[in-house]
PDB file of N, CA and C in Angstrom:
ATOM      1  N   MET A   1    -107.927 -11.413 218.558  1.00  0.00           N
ATOM      2  CA  MET A   1    -107.364 -10.431 219.454  1.00  0.00           C
ATOM      3  C   MET A   1    -105.875 -10.232 219.183  1.00  0.00           C
ATOM      4  N   SER A   2    -105.155 -11.312 218.913  1.00  0.00           N
ATOM      5  CA  SER A   2    -103.728 -11.160 218.654  1.00  0.00           C
ATOM      6  C   SER A   2    -103.482 -10.390 217.369  1.00  0.00           C
ATOM      7  N   GLU A   3    -104.335 -10.594 216.370  1.00  0.00           N
ATOM      8  CA  GLU A   3    -104.185  -9.854 215.115  1.00  0.00           C
ATOM      9  C   GLU A   3    -104.437  -8.365 215.344  1.00  0.00           C
ATOM     10  N   ASP A   4    -105.437  -8.030 216.151  1.00  0.00           N
ATOM     11  CA  ASP A   4    -105.704  -6.626 216.478  1.00  0.00           C
ATOM     12  C   ASP A   4    -104.527  -6.016 217.232  1.00  0.00           C
ATOM     13  N   SER A   5    -103.952  -6.773 218.148  1.00  0.00           N
ATOM     14  CA  SER A   5    -102.795  -6.282 218.904  1.00  0.00           C
ATOM     15  C   SER A   5    -101.611  -6.055 217.981  1.00  0.00           C
ATOM     16  N   ARG A   6    -101.422  -6.976 217.044  1.00  0.00           N
ATOM     17  CA  ARG A   6    -100.318  -6.827 216.093  1.00  0.00           C
ATOM     18  C   ARG A   6    -100.507  -5.566 215.264  1.00  0.00           C
ATOM     19  N   LYS A   7    -101.724  -5.358 214.765  1.00  0.00           N
ATOM     20  CA  LYS A   7    -102.004  -4.159 213.965  1.00  0.00           C
ATOM     21  C   LYS A   7    -101.774  -2.897 214.785  1.00  0.00           C
ATOM     22  N   TYR A   8    -102.228  -2.908 216.036  1.00  0.00           N
ATOM     23  CA  TYR A   8    -102.030  -1.748 216.902  1.00  0.00           C
ATOM     24  C   TYR A   8    -100.540  -1.486 217.094  1.00  0.00           C
ATOM     25  N   GLY A   9     -99.792  -2.538 217.349  1.00  0.00           N
ATOM     26  CA  GLY A   9     -98.362  -2.381 217.575  1.00  0.00           C
ATOM     27  C   GLY A   9     -97.635  -1.838 216.366  1.00  0.00           C
ATOM     28  N   VAL A  10     -98.060  -2.244 215.184  1.00  0.00           N
ATOM     29  CA  VAL A  10     -97.417  -1.785 213.953  1.00  0.00           C
ATOM     30  C   VAL A  10     -97.826  -0.350 213.629  1.00  0.00           C
ATOM     31  N   GLN A  11     -99.084  -0.015 213.831  1.00  0.00           N
ATOM     32  CA  GLN A  11     -99.610   1.285 213.411  1.00  0.00           C
ATOM     33  C   GLN A  11     -99.346   2.402 214.415  1.00  0.00           C
ATOM     34  N   ASN A  12     -99.157   2.107 215.670  1.00  0.00           N
ATOM     35  CA  ASN A  12     -99.036   3.140 216.704  1.00  0.00           C
ATOM     36  C   ASN A  12     -97.650   3.132 217.325  1.00  0.00           C
ATOM     37  N   THR A  13     -96.682   3.581 216.570  1.00  0.00           N
ATOM     38  CA  THR A  13     -95.301   3.557 217.057  1.00  0.00           C
ATOM     39  C   THR A  13     -94.890   4.854 217.740  1.00  0.00           C
ATOM     40  N   CYS A  14     -95.775   5.835 217.813  1.00  0.00           N
ATOM     41  CA  CYS A  14     -95.385   7.131 218.380  1.00  0.00           C
ATOM     42  C   CYS A  14     -95.900   7.345 219.800  1.00  0.00           C
ATOM     43  N   THR A  15     -96.503   6.348 220.419  1.00  0.00           N
ATOM     44  CA  THR A  15     -97.072   6.535 221.757  1.00  0.00           C
ATOM     45  C   THR A  15     -96.070   6.166 222.842  1.00  0.00           C
ATOM     46  N   SER A  16     -95.822   7.075 223.734  1.00  0.00           N
ATOM     47  CA  SER A  16     -94.985   6.902 224.934  1.00  0.00           C
ATOM     48  C   SER A  16     -93.743   6.052 224.707  1.00  0.00           C
ATOM     49  N   GLY A  17     -92.924   6.480 223.789  1.00  0.00           N
ATOM     50  CA  GLY A  17     -91.660   5.799 223.542  1.00  0.00           C
ATOM     51  C   GLY A  17     -91.806   4.385 223.020  1.00  0.00           C
ATOM     52  N   ASN A  18     -92.866   4.117 222.322  1.00  0.00           N
ATOM     53  CA  ASN A  18     -93.114   2.808 221.703  1.00  0.00           C
ATOM     54  C   ASN A  18     -93.386   1.690 222.702  1.00  0.00           C
ATOM     55  N   THR A  19     -93.471   1.984 223.977  1.00  0.00           N
ATOM     56  CA  THR A  19     -93.654   0.937 224.981  1.00  0.00           C
ATOM     57  C   THR A  19     -94.941   0.159 224.768  1.00  0.00           C
ATOM     58  N   LEU A  20     -96.036   0.865 224.573  1.00  0.00           N
ATOM     59  CA  LEU A  20     -97.318   0.200 224.396  1.00  0.00           C
ATOM     60  C   LEU A  20     -97.368  -0.583 223.086  1.00  0.00           C
ATOM     61  N   SER A  21     -96.838  -0.004 222.022  1.00  0.00           N
ATOM     62  CA  SER A  21     -96.861  -0.712 220.740  1.00  0.00           C
ATOM     63  C   SER A  21     -95.961  -1.945 220.779  1.00  0.00           C
ATOM     64  N   LYS A  22     -94.832  -1.861 221.476  1.00  0.00           N
ATOM     65  CA  LYS A  22     -93.962  -3.034 221.617  1.00  0.00           C
ATOM     66  C   LYS A  22     -94.657  -4.125 222.421  1.00  0.00           C
ATOM     67  N   ALA A  23     -95.350  -3.726 223.484  1.00  0.00           N
ATOM     68  CA  ALA A  23     -96.078  -4.703 224.301  1.00  0.00           C
ATOM     69  C   ALA A  23     -97.184  -5.360 223.487  1.00  0.00           C
ATOM     70  N   ALA A  24     -97.892  -4.575 222.679  1.00  0.00           N
ATOM     71  CA  ALA A  24     -98.967  -5.122 221.850  1.00  0.00           C
ATOM     72  C   ALA A  24     -98.410  -6.102 220.822  1.00  0.00           C
ATOM     73  N   SER A  25     -97.294  -5.753 220.211  1.00  0.00           N
ATOM     74  CA  SER A  25     -96.673  -6.652 219.233  1.00  0.00           C
ATOM     75  C   SER A  25     -96.173  -7.930 219.896  1.00  0.00           C
ATOM     76  N   SER A  26     -95.582  -7.787 221.068  1.00  0.00           N
ATOM     77  CA  SER A  26     -95.092  -8.952 221.798  1.00  0.00           C
ATOM     78  C   SER A  26     -96.240  -9.874 222.185  1.00  0.00           C
ATOM     79  N   PHE A  27     -97.334  -9.288 222.651  1.00  0.00           N
ATOM     80  CA  PHE A  27     -98.515 -10.078 222.994  1.00  0.00           C
ATOM     81  C   PHE A  27     -99.028 -10.820 221.771  1.00  0.00           C
ATOM     82  N   ALA A  28     -99.081 -10.138 220.645  1.00  0.00           N
ATOM     83  CA  ALA A  28     -99.587 -10.758 219.415  1.00  0.00           C
ATOM     84  C   ALA A  28     -98.730 -11.952 219.014  1.00  0.00           C
ATOM     85  N   ARG A  29     -97.415 -11.794 219.085  1.00  0.00           N
ATOM     86  CA  ARG A  29     -96.518 -12.908 218.735  1.00  0.00           C
ATOM     87  C   ARG A  29     -96.693 -14.079 219.697  1.00  0.00           C
ATOM     88  N   ALA A  30     -96.768 -13.780 220.987  1.00  0.00           N
ATOM     89  CA  ALA A  30     -96.923 -14.843 221.988  1.00  0.00           C
ATOM     90  C   ALA A  30     -98.247 -15.568 221.810  1.00  0.00           C
ATOM     91  N   ARG A  31     -99.298 -14.819 221.560  1.00  0.00           N
ATOM     92  CA  ARG A  31    -100.623 -15.422 221.382  1.00  0.00           C
ATOM     93  C   ARG A  31    -100.660 -16.299 220.133  1.00  0.00           C
ATOM     94  N   ALA A  32    -100.057 -15.828 219.057  1.00  0.00           N
ATOM     95  CA  ALA A  32    -100.013 -16.618 217.825  1.00  0.00           C
ATOM     96  C   ALA A  32     -99.236 -17.916 218.049  1.00  0.00           C
ATOM     97  N   GLN A  33     -98.126 -17.847 218.787  1.00  0.00           N
ATOM     98  CA  GLN A  33     -97.344 -19.046 219.081  1.00  0.00           C
ATOM     99  C   GLN A  33     -98.141 -20.019 219.943  1.00  0.00           C
ATOM    100  N   MET A  34     -98.895 -19.500 220.913  1.00  0.00           N
ATOM    101  CA  MET A  34     -99.728 -20.364 221.753  1.00  0.00           C
ATOM    102  C   MET A  34    -100.782 -21.089 220.921  1.00  0.00           C
ATOM    103  N   GLU A  35    -101.387 -20.388 219.981  1.00  0.00           N
ATOM    104  CA  GLU A  35    -102.401 -21.008 219.128  1.00  0.00           C
ATOM    105  C   GLU A  35    -101.779 -22.086 218.241  1.00  0.00           C
ATOM    106  N   LYS A  36    -100.568 -21.817 217.762  1.00  0.00           N
ATOM    107  CA  LYS A  36     -99.865 -22.813 216.946  1.00  0.00           C
ATOM    108  C   LYS A  36     -99.588 -24.069 217.776  1.00  0.00           C
ATOM    109  N   GLU A  37     -99.087 -23.881 218.986  1.00  0.00           N
ATOM    110  CA  GLU A  37     -98.786 -25.015 219.862  1.00  0.00           C
ATOM    111  C   GLU A  37    -100.057 -25.760 220.265  1.00  0.00           C
ATOM    112  N   ARG A  38    -101.142 -25.040 220.455  1.00  0.00           N
ATOM    113  CA  ARG A  38    -102.427 -25.669 220.776  1.00  0.00           C
ATOM    114  C   ARG A  38    -102.860 -26.581 219.635  1.00  0.00           C
ATOM    115  N   GLY A  39    -102.712 -26.095 218.413  1.00  0.00           N
ATOM    116  CA  GLY A  39    -103.049 -26.907 217.247  1.00  0.00           C
ATOM    117  C   GLY A  39    -102.196 -28.162 217.170  1.00  0.00           C
ATOM    118  N   ASN A  40    -100.905 -28.013 217.436  1.00  0.00           N
ATOM    119  CA  ASN A  40    -100.007 -29.172 217.423  1.00  0.00           C
ATOM    120  C   ASN A  40    -100.401 -30.190 218.487  1.00  0.00           C
ATOM    121  N   LEU A  41    -100.757 -29.706 219.674  1.00  0.00           N
ATOM    122  CA  LEU A  41    -101.168 -30.597 220.756  1.00  0.00           C
ATOM    123  C   LEU A  41    -102.447 -31.343 220.392  1.00  0.00           C
ATOM    124  N   LEU A  42    -103.411 -30.632 219.824  1.00  0.00           N
ATOM    125  CA  LEU A  42    -104.666 -31.277 219.434  1.00  0.00           C
ATOM    126  C   LEU A  42    -104.437 -32.341 218.362  1.00  0.00           C
ATOM    127  N   LYS A  43    -103.529 -32.067 217.427  1.00  0.00           N
ATOM    128  CA  LYS A  43    -103.196 -33.076 216.409  1.00  0.00           C
ATOM    129  C   LYS A  43    -102.592 -34.314 217.061  1.00  0.00           C
ATOM    130  N   ALA A  44    -101.653 -34.090 217.970  1.00  0.00           N
ATOM    131  CA  ALA A  44    -100.992 -35.214 218.634  1.00  0.00           C
ATOM    132  C   ALA A  44    -101.987 -36.032 219.448  1.00  0.00           C
ATOM    133  N   LEU A  45    -102.845 -35.365 220.185  1.00  0.00           N
ATOM    134  CA  LEU A  45    -103.840 -36.083 220.983  1.00  0.00           C
ATOM    135  C   LEU A  45    -104.825 -36.825 220.091  1.00  0.00           C
ATOM    136  N   GLY A  46    -105.226 -36.201 219.007  1.00  0.00           N
ATOM    137  CA  GLY A  46    -106.138 -36.849 218.070  1.00  0.00           C
ATOM    138  C   GLY A  46    -105.537 -38.107 217.484  1.00  0.00           C
ATOM    139  N   THR A  47    -104.260 -38.055 217.161  1.00  0.00           N
ATOM    140  CA  THR A  47    -103.568 -39.225 216.626  1.00  0.00           C
ATOM    141  C   THR A  47    -103.550 -40.345 217.651  1.00  0.00           C
ATOM    142  N   GLN A  48    -103.276 -40.017 218.905  1.00  0.00           N
ATOM    143  CA  GLN A  48    -103.235 -41.032 219.954  1.00  0.00           C
ATOM    144  C   GLN A  48    -104.601 -41.678 220.156  1.00  0.00           C
ATOM    145  N   VAL A  49    -105.658 -40.890 220.086  1.00  0.00           N
ATOM    146  CA  VAL A  49    -107.004 -41.428 220.252  1.00  0.00           C
ATOM    147  C   VAL A  49    -107.334 -42.381 219.114  1.00  0.00           C
ATOM    148  N   VAL A  50    -107.022 -41.983 217.894  1.00  0.00           N
ATOM    149  CA  VAL A  50    -107.315 -42.824 216.726  1.00  0.00           C
ATOM    150  C   VAL A  50    -106.546 -44.140 216.800  1.00  0.00           C
ATOM    151  N   ILE A  51    -105.331 -44.102 217.289  1.00  0.00           N
ATOM    152  CA  ILE A  51    -104.516 -45.314 217.397  1.00  0.00           C
ATOM    153  C   ILE A  51    -105.121 -46.284 218.408  1.00  0.00           C
ATOM    154  N   HIS A  52    -105.664 -45.773 219.510  1.00  0.00           N
ATOM    155  CA  HIS A  52    -106.127 -46.635 220.594  1.00  0.00           C
ATOM    156  C   HIS A  52    -107.589 -47.061 220.492  1.00  0.00           C
ATOM    157  N   ILE A  53    -108.371 -46.441 219.651  1.00  0.00           N
ATOM    158  CA  ILE A  53    -109.790 -46.809 219.536  1.00  0.00           C
ATOM    159  C   ILE A  53    -109.976 -48.279 219.167  1.00  0.00           C
ATOM    160  N   PRO A  54    -109.291 -48.810 218.157  1.00  0.00           N
ATOM    161  CA  PRO A  54    -109.494 -50.231 217.840  1.00  0.00           C
ATOM    162  C   PRO A  54    -109.129 -51.161 219.001  1.00  0.00           C
ATOM    163  N   LYS A  55    -108.081 -50.826 219.738  1.00  0.00           N
ATOM    164  CA  LYS A  55    -107.666 -51.654 220.871  1.00  0.00           C
ATOM    165  C   LYS A  55    -108.735 -51.663 221.957  1.00  0.00           C
ATOM    166  N   VAL A  56    -109.251 -50.497 222.278  1.00  0.00           N
ATOM    167  CA  VAL A  56    -110.280 -50.392 223.313  1.00  0.00           C
ATOM    168  C   VAL A  56    -111.551 -51.085 222.852  1.00  0.00           C
ATOM    169  N   SER A  57    -111.901 -50.894 221.613  1.00  0.00           N
ATOM    170  CA  SER A  57    -113.103 -51.521 221.068  1.00  0.00           C
ATOM    171  C   SER A  57    -112.997 -53.040 221.140  1.00  0.00           C
ATOM    172  N   LYS A  58    -111.823 -53.567 220.831  1.00  0.00           N
ATOM    173  CA  LYS A  58    -111.600 -55.014 220.887  1.00  0.00           C
ATOM    174  C   LYS A  58    -111.703 -55.514 222.328  1.00  0.00           C
ATOM    175  N   MET A  59    -111.177 -54.740 223.275  1.00  0.00           N
ATOM    176  CA  MET A  59    -111.234 -55.128 224.681  1.00  0.00           C
ATOM    177  C   MET A  59    -112.669 -55.151 225.196  1.00  0.00           C
ATOM    178  N   LEU A  60    -113.485 -54.246 224.685  1.00  0.00           N
ATOM    179  CA  LEU A  60    -114.876 -54.165 225.128  1.00  0.00           C
ATOM    180  C   LEU A  60    -115.775 -55.156 224.395  1.00  0.00           C
ATOM    181  N   GLY A  61    -115.238 -55.779 223.375  1.00  0.00           N
ATOM    182  CA  GLY A  61    -116.000 -56.776 222.633  1.00  0.00           C
ATOM    183  C   GLY A  61    -116.963 -56.188 221.621  1.00  0.00           C
ATOM    184  N   ASP A  62    -116.710 -54.969 221.188  1.00  0.00           N
ATOM    185  CA  ASP A  62    -117.585 -54.321 220.197  1.00  0.00           C
ATOM    186  C   ASP A  62    -117.203 -54.700 218.788  1.00  0.00           C
TER     187      ASP A  62
END
């Protein structure tokens, strides 16, 4: 969806003083940044889980 919004914003610069195309481009940038941050968060959480699995396993006697 963000890629479609970006394309719309780039291709449609003549509509109502560029307001809609600017909003579409802004949405695309914000959405892309959110996805990047989501990926970073998942990496960080994954690292924390991998670090603690041996400790938990040892505590449970597995």
